[in-house]
Amino acid sequence: MTLARLGVFALLLAAPVAVAGSGDWPQFRGPTGTGVAASDKLPDKWSQTENLAWKVELPGPGTSSPVVWGEKMYLTCQTGSGESLKRHLLCLDRKNGATLWSRDVPAKLPEQERIREDHGYASSTPAVDAERVVVFFGKSGVYAFDHGGRELWQADVGSKVHIWGSAASPVLVGDLVVVNASVESESVVGLDRTTGKVRWRLPGVRESWATPVVVTPPGGKPELVVPMFRKVLGIDPATGKQLWTCDTEINWYMVPSVVAHDGVAYLVGGRSGGALAVRVGGRGDVTRTHRLWIGKKGSNVTSPVYHDGKLYWMNDNTGVAYRADAKTGAVEYEHRVEGAAQVYASPVLAGGKVYYLARDGRTFVVRAGPAFDLVATNDLRDRTPFNSSPAVAGDQLLIRSNRYLYCIGK
């Protein structure tokens, strides 16, 4: 890549956030990919009859989250199985949830017959900008559509499958679409955002279901941070070159995405627990020079949020909520939440409160503070799993089950 092109790429790195409106939620976990919402007016309490702006039935299940751009929302789901398996990209009206259009994507066969624990075939959250919506359907490929539903391009990033399915969501970085195709080809792939052509591919990314996150060191250039089996990688988003690697001491596959603040990336992960902090901006093996701390408490599925020097997360299987000091990793509280038996959704932070959504449809609103402070427990149980992470549309909260999409707020 020429120096001129690198300069253009650097200018484009901020493009998705710069053009997104204040009420938009353009990718998995929001504008920065870290689950932090700008609104301080999200409701604390709701039910099937209280503070429910609207509720729409979906054509099929899915574990992807909705994304928001202007007056439109986008969401994926699946129908059929085997040879009749299809994914659907829905465009919904933000005001009332009405379907504006739907596009069907047949599966590239043979597709795997089943995915463990019904995680399903529509698990990756779309990414959206002013010109296109990008969706990732595992071995069936990456697709881009314009806001009217016209297909712009499709790309193949690998054909392998896994018993846990595919999960990482695409992210828009500069003039690229970046896809963690660890399942499909053990690689992270950079696609041209306009054409879908492969611009770079970084191989050797094993057992990673985490969505890449852009982290910028103070005074440095943005980096893509991707956790994988036993390691976390720093990648140059312009070229796909691996900049650094750090040992996590987590001997399991990695699902949670990182969060970051002031050039430090924070990770939780692994069935046996585990957490760490690593300062980005290094080169080579930075385990001894840039790893700031490691801890033994973590989560196998859910990602954390960062707020005022603290990390908050909930363990996916125990329903224990944690607060840890981001500087040292010291756990400041661990509280078992009654009713939070299993949690797959990553939390949202808004207005100094953390929103934890359990698989049964109950959301636990917890004040971000030194002691566990449960503000409210909200019940939307509809006899189907709630596996997707909540999204935010302005001052409204979007919660998706396998059957419905709910809009919470005025």
Protein backbone atom coordinates (compact mmCIF):
# COMPACT_ATOMS: atom_id res chain seq x y z
CA MET A 1 0.00 0.00 0.00
CA THR A 2 1.39 3.42 -0.96
CA LEU A 3 2.03 6.18 1.58
CA ALA A 4 -0.66 8.26 -0.10
CA ARG A 5 -3.19 5.47 0.24
CA LEU A 6 -2.20 4.94 3.88
CA GLY A 7 -2.85 8.63 4.49
CA VAL A 8 -6.28 8.40 2.89
CA PHE A 9 -7.05 5.29 4.95
CA ALA A 10 -6.12 7.10 8.15
CA LEU A 11 -8.54 9.90 7.30
CA LEU A 12 -11.28 7.37 6.62
CA LEU A 13 -10.86 5.52 9.90
CA ALA A 14 -13.21 7.87 11.70
CA ALA A 15 -15.79 7.89 8.91
CA PRO A 16 -18.45 5.54 10.41
CA VAL A 17 -18.65 7.46 13.69
CA ALA A 18 -18.36 10.87 12.05
CA VAL A 19 -21.34 10.38 9.74
CA ALA A 20 -23.52 8.42 12.16
CA GLY A 21 -26.21 10.43 13.92
CA SER A 22 -26.31 10.75 17.69
CA GLY A 23 -29.23 8.32 17.84
CA ASP A 24 -27.70 5.71 15.55
CA TRP A 25 -26.36 2.29 16.53
CA PRO A 26 -24.46 1.24 13.39
CA GLN A 27 -22.79 -2.04 14.41
CA PHE A 28 -22.50 -4.71 17.10
CA ARG A 29 -22.38 -2.95 20.49
CA GLY A 30 -22.84 0.51 19.06
CA PRO A 31 -20.70 3.23 17.43
CA THR A 32 -17.48 2.24 19.21
CA GLY A 33 -18.24 -1.47 19.53
CA THR A 34 -18.06 -1.27 23.31
CA GLY A 35 -21.71 -1.25 24.40
CA VAL A 36 -21.76 2.39 25.56
CA ALA A 37 -24.81 4.50 24.64
CA ALA A 38 -24.84 8.30 24.59
CA SER A 39 -28.37 8.53 26.00
CA ASP A 40 -29.01 9.17 29.68
CA LYS A 41 -32.77 8.79 29.23
CA LEU A 42 -33.23 5.06 28.68
CA PRO A 43 -36.12 3.79 30.79
CA ASP A 44 -35.42 1.85 33.97
CA LYS A 45 -38.70 -0.07 34.05
CA TRP A 46 -40.80 -1.84 31.45
CA SER A 47 -42.93 -4.91 30.78
CA GLN A 48 -45.23 -6.28 28.10
CA THR A 49 -47.68 -3.51 29.04
CA GLU A 50 -45.50 -0.69 30.42
CA ASN A 51 -43.06 1.58 28.57
CA LEU A 52 -43.42 -0.53 25.41
CA ALA A 53 -43.34 1.72 22.33
CA TRP A 54 -43.99 -1.17 19.95
CA LYS A 55 -43.45 -4.89 19.46
CA VAL A 56 -43.28 -6.76 16.15
CA GLU A 57 -43.21 -10.46 15.36
CA LEU A 58 -40.22 -11.60 13.33
CA PRO A 59 -40.34 -14.12 10.46
CA GLY A 60 -37.78 -16.35 12.16
CA PRO A 61 -35.25 -16.69 15.00
CA GLY A 62 -31.76 -15.23 15.25
CA THR A 63 -29.12 -14.18 17.74
CA SER A 64 -27.98 -11.06 15.86
CA SER A 65 -28.72 -7.61 17.24
CA PRO A 66 -30.56 -4.80 15.42
CA VAL A 67 -28.61 -1.84 14.06
CA VAL A 68 -29.98 1.67 13.55
CA TRP A 69 -29.28 4.26 10.85
CA GLY A 70 -31.50 7.32 10.63
CA GLU A 71 -35.14 6.27 10.47
CA LYS A 72 -34.33 2.68 9.52
CA MET A 73 -33.32 -0.40 11.46
CA TYR A 74 -31.76 -3.60 10.11
CA LEU A 75 -31.93 -7.11 11.53
CA THR A 76 -31.22 -10.66 10.33
CA CYS A 77 -33.10 -13.87 10.97
CA GLN A 78 -33.39 -17.39 9.56
CA THR A 79 -36.11 -19.68 8.26
CA GLY A 80 -36.13 -23.25 7.06
CA SER A 81 -33.46 -25.90 7.50
CA GLY A 82 -31.25 -28.10 5.36
CA GLU A 83 -31.80 -27.39 1.68
CA SER A 84 -34.52 -24.85 2.48
CA LEU A 85 -32.38 -22.80 4.92
CA LYS A 86 -32.49 -19.06 4.21
CA ARG A 87 -31.24 -15.96 5.96
CA HIS A 88 -33.24 -12.75 5.79
CA LEU A 89 -32.14 -9.15 6.06
CA LEU A 90 -35.04 -7.03 7.30
CA CYS A 91 -35.30 -3.27 6.96
CA LEU A 92 -37.69 -1.90 9.59
CA ASP A 93 -39.24 1.48 10.24
CA ARG A 94 -37.73 2.92 13.40
CA LYS A 95 -41.00 4.61 14.40
CA ASN A 96 -43.21 1.52 14.55
CA GLY A 97 -41.18 -1.56 13.58
CA ALA A 98 -43.04 -2.07 10.30
CA THR A 99 -41.13 -4.03 7.66
CA LEU A 100 -40.07 -1.73 4.80
CA TRP A 101 -38.38 -4.50 2.82
CA SER A 102 -36.82 -7.94 3.23
CA ARG A 103 -34.09 -9.70 1.26
CA ASP A 104 -33.57 -13.46 1.26
CA VAL A 105 -30.16 -15.12 1.07
CA PRO A 106 -30.28 -18.89 0.40
CA ALA A 107 -27.62 -20.95 2.16
CA LYS A 108 -24.62 -22.24 0.26
CA LEU A 109 -25.00 -25.99 0.57
CA PRO A 110 -24.10 -28.24 2.15
CA GLU A 111 -24.65 -26.29 5.38
CA GLN A 112 -24.10 -27.95 8.76
CA GLU A 113 -27.17 -29.79 9.97
CA ARG A 114 -27.33 -28.29 13.44
CA ILE A 115 -25.61 -25.82 15.72
CA ARG A 116 -25.22 -26.50 19.44
CA GLU A 117 -27.73 -25.00 21.87
CA ASP A 118 -29.79 -23.58 19.01
CA HIS A 119 -27.46 -20.63 18.46
CA GLY A 120 -28.69 -20.70 14.90
CA TYR A 121 -27.55 -19.49 11.49
CA ALA A 122 -28.28 -15.75 11.84
CA SER A 123 -25.90 -14.80 14.64
CA SER A 124 -23.81 -11.96 13.15
CA THR A 125 -25.04 -8.39 13.64
CA PRO A 126 -25.07 -6.21 10.48
CA ALA A 127 -22.86 -3.15 10.04
CA VAL A 128 -24.29 -0.06 8.36
CA ASP A 129 -23.09 3.27 6.99
CA ALA A 130 -24.61 6.00 4.82
CA GLU A 131 -24.40 3.89 1.66
CA ARG A 132 -24.71 0.21 2.58
CA VAL A 133 -25.69 -2.53 5.00
CA VAL A 134 -23.20 -5.38 5.37
CA VAL A 135 -24.20 -8.82 6.67
CA PHE A 136 -22.13 -11.94 7.35
CA PHE A 137 -23.64 -15.42 7.01
CA GLY A 138 -20.66 -17.71 7.68
CA LYS A 139 -19.78 -20.06 4.84
CA SER A 140 -22.60 -18.51 2.79
CA GLY A 141 -20.54 -15.32 2.63
CA VAL A 142 -20.55 -11.58 3.22
CA TYR A 143 -23.19 -9.45 1.45
CA ALA A 144 -23.66 -5.73 1.02
CA PHE A 145 -27.00 -4.08 0.20
CA ASP A 146 -27.90 -0.44 -0.29
CA HIS A 147 -30.59 1.18 1.85
CA GLY A 148 -33.22 0.31 -0.74
CA GLY A 149 -32.42 -3.40 -0.57
CA ARG A 150 -30.40 -3.72 -3.80
CA GLU A 151 -27.52 -6.17 -3.55
CA LEU A 152 -24.19 -4.40 -4.14
CA TRP A 153 -21.71 -7.25 -3.78
CA GLN A 154 -20.97 -10.55 -2.10
CA ALA A 155 -17.71 -12.09 -0.94
CA ASP A 156 -16.50 -15.52 0.15
CA VAL A 157 -14.31 -15.60 3.28
CA GLY A 158 -14.13 -19.38 3.79
CA SER A 159 -16.18 -22.56 3.75
CA LYS A 160 -15.44 -24.35 7.03
CA VAL A 161 -18.13 -24.86 9.67
CA HIS A 162 -18.13 -25.44 13.42
CA ILE A 163 -20.49 -27.13 15.86
CA TRP A 164 -20.90 -23.75 17.63
CA GLY A 165 -21.67 -22.01 14.35
CA SER A 166 -20.43 -18.63 13.17
CA ALA A 167 -20.80 -15.52 15.32
CA ALA A 168 -18.36 -12.64 14.83
CA SER A 169 -19.93 -9.52 13.31
CA PRO A 170 -18.45 -7.40 10.51
CA VAL A 171 -17.04 -3.97 11.32
CA LEU A 172 -16.48 -0.99 9.02
CA VAL A 173 -12.97 0.44 9.35
CA GLY A 174 -11.76 3.16 7.00
CA ASP A 175 -12.69 2.02 3.51
CA LEU A 176 -12.78 -1.64 4.54
CA VAL A 177 -15.19 -4.23 5.87
CA VAL A 178 -13.29 -6.35 8.40
CA VAL A 179 -14.56 -9.87 9.12
CA ASN A 180 -13.26 -12.29 11.73
CA ALA A 181 -13.55 -15.51 9.69
CA SER A 182 -11.81 -17.68 12.27
CA VAL A 183 -14.48 -20.37 11.86
CA GLU A 184 -14.62 -20.24 8.07
CA SER A 185 -10.90 -19.95 7.23
CA GLU A 186 -8.93 -19.33 10.45
CA SER A 187 -8.28 -15.78 9.31
CA VAL A 188 -9.28 -12.14 9.66
CA VAL A 189 -10.17 -10.64 6.28
CA GLY A 190 -10.23 -7.04 5.06
CA LEU A 191 -12.69 -6.46 2.19
CA ASP A 192 -12.98 -3.36 0.06
CA ARG A 193 -16.08 -1.59 1.34
CA THR A 194 -17.18 -0.53 -2.16
CA THR A 195 -16.50 -3.73 -4.14
CA GLY A 196 -16.20 -6.56 -1.62
CA LYS A 197 -12.83 -7.63 -3.04
CA VAL A 198 -10.28 -9.06 -0.60
CA ARG A 199 -7.65 -6.43 0.21
CA TRP A 200 -5.82 -8.44 2.86
CA ARG A 201 -6.05 -11.66 4.86
CA LEU A 202 -4.31 -12.48 8.15
CA PRO A 203 -4.11 -16.28 8.67
CA GLY A 204 -3.62 -18.27 11.86
CA VAL A 205 -6.56 -16.85 13.85
CA ARG A 206 -7.85 -19.89 15.74
CA GLU A 207 -10.95 -20.49 17.86
CA SER A 208 -12.17 -16.91 17.92
CA TRP A 209 -15.81 -15.81 17.82
CA ALA A 210 -15.05 -12.24 18.92
CA THR A 211 -15.95 -9.19 16.86
CA PRO A 212 -12.85 -7.01 16.17
CA VAL A 213 -12.68 -3.66 17.94
CA VAL A 214 -10.68 -0.57 16.90
CA VAL A 215 -8.39 0.73 19.66
CA THR A 216 -6.12 3.77 19.29
CA PRO A 217 -3.07 4.28 21.53
CA PRO A 218 -2.45 7.87 22.69
CA GLY A 219 -0.64 9.64 19.86
CA GLY A 220 -0.64 6.50 17.75
CA LYS A 221 -2.53 4.94 14.87
CA PRO A 222 -5.71 2.87 15.23
CA GLU A 223 -5.33 -0.89 15.64
CA LEU A 224 -7.73 -3.80 15.36
CA VAL A 225 -7.75 -5.92 18.51
CA VAL A 226 -8.91 -9.53 18.17
CA PRO A 227 -8.77 -12.16 20.95
CA MET A 228 -8.28 -15.82 20.02
CA PHE A 229 -7.20 -19.08 21.62
CA ARG A 230 -4.51 -18.21 24.21
CA LYS A 231 -3.65 -14.90 22.54
CA VAL A 232 -4.88 -11.44 21.74
CA LEU A 233 -3.68 -9.84 18.51
CA GLY A 234 -3.08 -6.26 17.42
CA ILE A 235 -3.56 -5.79 13.68
CA ASP A 236 -2.90 -2.88 11.32
CA PRO A 237 -6.37 -2.26 9.81
CA ALA A 238 -4.89 -0.72 6.65
CA THR A 239 -2.70 -3.67 5.68
CA GLY A 240 -3.77 -6.64 7.81
CA LYS A 241 -0.25 -6.95 9.21
CA GLN A 242 0.01 -8.43 12.70
CA LEU A 243 1.58 -5.74 14.89
CA TRP A 244 1.73 -7.50 18.22
CA THR A 245 0.59 -10.52 20.18
CA CYS A 246 0.00 -11.02 23.91
CA ASP A 247 -0.49 -14.23 25.89
CA THR A 248 -3.88 -14.28 27.68
CA GLU A 249 -3.31 -17.46 29.76
CA ILE A 250 -6.92 -18.36 28.83
CA ASN A 251 -6.80 -21.89 27.42
CA TRP A 252 -10.19 -21.78 25.72
CA TYR A 253 -11.77 -20.37 22.61
CA MET A 254 -12.60 -16.65 22.84
CA VAL A 255 -16.09 -15.24 22.35
CA PRO A 256 -16.30 -11.88 24.22
CA SER A 257 -15.11 -8.79 22.39
CA VAL A 258 -12.69 -6.36 24.01
CA VAL A 259 -13.49 -2.95 25.42
CA ALA A 260 -10.92 -0.18 25.59
CA HIS A 261 -10.08 3.14 27.20
CA ASP A 262 -7.04 5.41 26.72
CA GLY A 263 -5.22 2.86 24.61
CA VAL A 264 -5.73 -0.09 26.97
CA ALA A 265 -7.74 -3.13 25.83
CA TYR A 266 -9.62 -5.16 28.43
CA LEU A 267 -10.66 -8.79 27.90
CA VAL A 268 -12.70 -11.41 29.68
CA GLY A 269 -13.19 -14.94 28.43
CA GLY A 270 -12.89 -18.70 28.75
CA ARG A 271 -15.04 -21.37 30.34
CA SER A 272 -12.72 -21.45 33.32
CA GLY A 273 -12.78 -17.67 33.63
CA GLY A 274 -10.04 -15.17 33.01
CA ALA A 275 -9.46 -11.48 32.38
CA LEU A 276 -6.58 -9.23 31.43
CA ALA A 277 -5.55 -5.75 30.34
CA VAL A 278 -3.01 -5.02 27.62
CA ARG A 279 -1.72 -1.66 26.45
CA VAL A 280 -1.92 -1.43 22.67
CA GLY A 281 0.75 0.17 20.47
CA GLY A 282 3.49 -2.40 20.98
CA ARG A 283 5.31 -4.56 18.46
CA GLY A 284 6.07 -8.27 18.51
CA ASP A 285 5.37 -10.33 21.65
CA VAL A 286 4.28 -7.74 24.22
CA THR A 287 3.32 -10.15 27.03
CA ARG A 288 6.09 -8.92 29.35
CA THR A 289 6.07 -5.27 28.31
CA HIS A 290 2.42 -4.34 27.70
CA ARG A 291 0.29 -6.81 29.67
CA LEU A 292 -0.78 -4.81 32.70
CA TRP A 293 -2.59 -7.43 34.74
CA ILE A 294 -4.36 -10.79 34.58
CA GLY A 295 -7.31 -12.03 36.63
CA LYS A 296 -9.21 -15.26 37.20
CA LYS A 297 -12.80 -13.99 36.98
CA GLY A 298 -14.39 -13.74 33.54
CA SER A 299 -17.16 -14.87 31.26
CA ASN A 300 -17.32 -17.34 28.41
CA VAL A 301 -19.83 -15.45 26.24
CA THR A 302 -20.66 -11.92 27.40
CA SER A 303 -18.41 -8.90 26.83
CA PRO A 304 -17.73 -6.26 29.50
CA VAL A 305 -18.39 -2.51 29.60
CA TYR A 306 -16.05 0.22 30.87
CA HIS A 307 -17.21 3.16 33.01
CA ASP A 308 -15.22 5.64 35.12
CA GLY A 309 -12.19 3.41 35.56
CA LYS A 310 -14.20 0.28 36.29
CA LEU A 311 -15.18 -2.83 34.31
CA TYR A 312 -18.64 -4.40 34.60
CA TRP A 313 -19.75 -7.77 33.26
CA MET A 314 -21.94 -10.76 34.07
CA ASN A 315 -20.89 -14.39 33.85
CA ASP A 316 -22.94 -16.22 31.25
CA ASN A 317 -23.60 -19.41 33.23
CA THR A 318 -23.58 -18.36 36.89
CA GLY A 319 -25.48 -15.07 36.66
CA VAL A 320 -22.82 -13.39 38.81
CA ALA A 321 -22.33 -9.67 38.17
CA TYR A 322 -18.80 -8.31 38.54
CA ARG A 323 -17.17 -4.95 39.01
CA ALA A 324 -13.39 -4.76 38.71
CA ASP A 325 -10.86 -1.96 38.89
CA ALA A 326 -9.59 -1.34 35.35
CA LYS A 327 -6.16 -0.22 36.57
CA THR A 328 -5.35 -3.29 38.67
CA GLY A 329 -7.93 -5.94 37.74
CA ALA A 330 -8.95 -6.30 41.38
CA VAL A 331 -12.56 -7.52 41.71
CA GLU A 332 -14.51 -5.03 43.81
CA TYR A 333 -17.74 -7.00 43.95
CA GLU A 334 -19.22 -10.23 42.65
CA HIS A 335 -22.95 -10.57 43.19
CA ARG A 336 -25.13 -13.48 42.17
CA VAL A 337 -28.27 -12.03 40.58
CA GLU A 338 -31.43 -13.94 41.38
CA GLY A 339 -33.14 -14.94 38.13
CA ALA A 340 -30.09 -14.45 35.89
CA ALA A 341 -29.51 -18.16 35.38
CA GLN A 342 -27.99 -17.82 31.92
CA VAL A 343 -26.85 -14.72 30.02
CA TYR A 344 -25.60 -14.62 26.42
CA ALA A 345 -26.24 -10.94 25.66
CA SER A 346 -23.48 -8.41 26.24
CA PRO A 347 -24.53 -5.51 28.48
CA VAL A 348 -25.31 -1.92 27.53
CA LEU A 349 -24.12 1.04 29.59
CA ALA A 350 -26.27 4.19 29.54
CA GLY A 351 -26.83 7.01 32.01
CA GLY A 352 -24.57 5.47 34.63
CA LYS A 353 -26.51 2.18 34.58
CA VAL A 354 -25.68 -1.26 33.22
CA TYR A 355 -28.41 -3.25 31.43
CA TYR A 356 -27.99 -7.04 31.67
CA LEU A 357 -30.36 -9.17 29.57
CA ALA A 358 -30.86 -12.83 30.53
CA ARG A 359 -31.82 -15.56 28.08
CA ASP A 360 -35.31 -15.89 29.57
CA GLY A 361 -36.19 -12.25 28.76
CA ARG A 362 -35.57 -10.55 32.08
CA THR A 363 -33.37 -7.44 32.10
CA PHE A 364 -31.55 -6.40 35.26
CA VAL A 365 -30.78 -2.68 35.49
CA VAL A 366 -27.83 -2.12 37.83
CA ARG A 367 -26.44 1.24 38.90
CA ALA A 368 -22.74 1.58 38.09
CA GLY A 369 -21.20 2.15 41.52
CA PRO A 370 -18.98 0.66 44.23
CA ALA A 371 -21.69 -1.69 45.53
CA PHE A 372 -24.17 -3.83 43.62
CA ASP A 373 -27.33 -1.73 43.33
CA LEU A 374 -30.24 -3.33 41.46
CA VAL A 375 -32.46 -0.54 40.14
CA ALA A 376 -35.10 -2.71 38.47
CA THR A 377 -35.90 -6.16 37.10
CA ASN A 378 -37.94 -6.06 33.88
CA ASP A 379 -39.78 -9.03 32.41
CA LEU A 380 -40.44 -9.60 28.70
CA ARG A 381 -40.56 -13.42 28.82
CA ASP A 382 -42.29 -14.76 25.70
CA ARG A 383 -41.31 -18.46 25.85
CA THR A 384 -38.44 -18.07 23.39
CA PRO A 385 -34.74 -17.40 24.05
CA PHE A 386 -33.30 -13.88 24.23
CA ASN A 387 -29.77 -14.44 22.91
CA SER A 388 -28.93 -11.16 21.18
CA SER A 389 -27.34 -8.13 22.80
CA PRO A 390 -29.58 -5.07 23.29
CA ALA A 391 -29.20 -2.07 20.98
CA VAL A 392 -30.02 1.59 21.52
CA ALA A 393 -31.96 3.92 19.22
CA GLY A 394 -31.78 7.42 20.65
CA ASP A 395 -33.57 7.21 23.99
CA GLN A 396 -35.11 3.82 23.26
CA LEU A 397 -33.84 0.31 23.96
CA LEU A 398 -34.19 -2.46 21.37
CA ILE A 399 -34.46 -6.02 22.68
CA ARG A 400 -34.77 -9.03 20.41
CA SER A 401 -35.99 -12.56 21.20
CA ASN A 402 -36.29 -15.47 18.80
CA ARG A 403 -39.88 -14.36 18.16
CA TYR A 404 -40.20 -10.59 18.64
CA LEU A 405 -38.34 -7.30 18.41
CA TYR A 406 -39.28 -4.97 21.27
CA CYS A 407 -38.82 -1.20 21.38
CA ILE A 408 -38.67 0.05 24.97
CA GLY A 409 -39.30 3.72 25.73
CA LYS A 410 -41.60 6.54 24.77
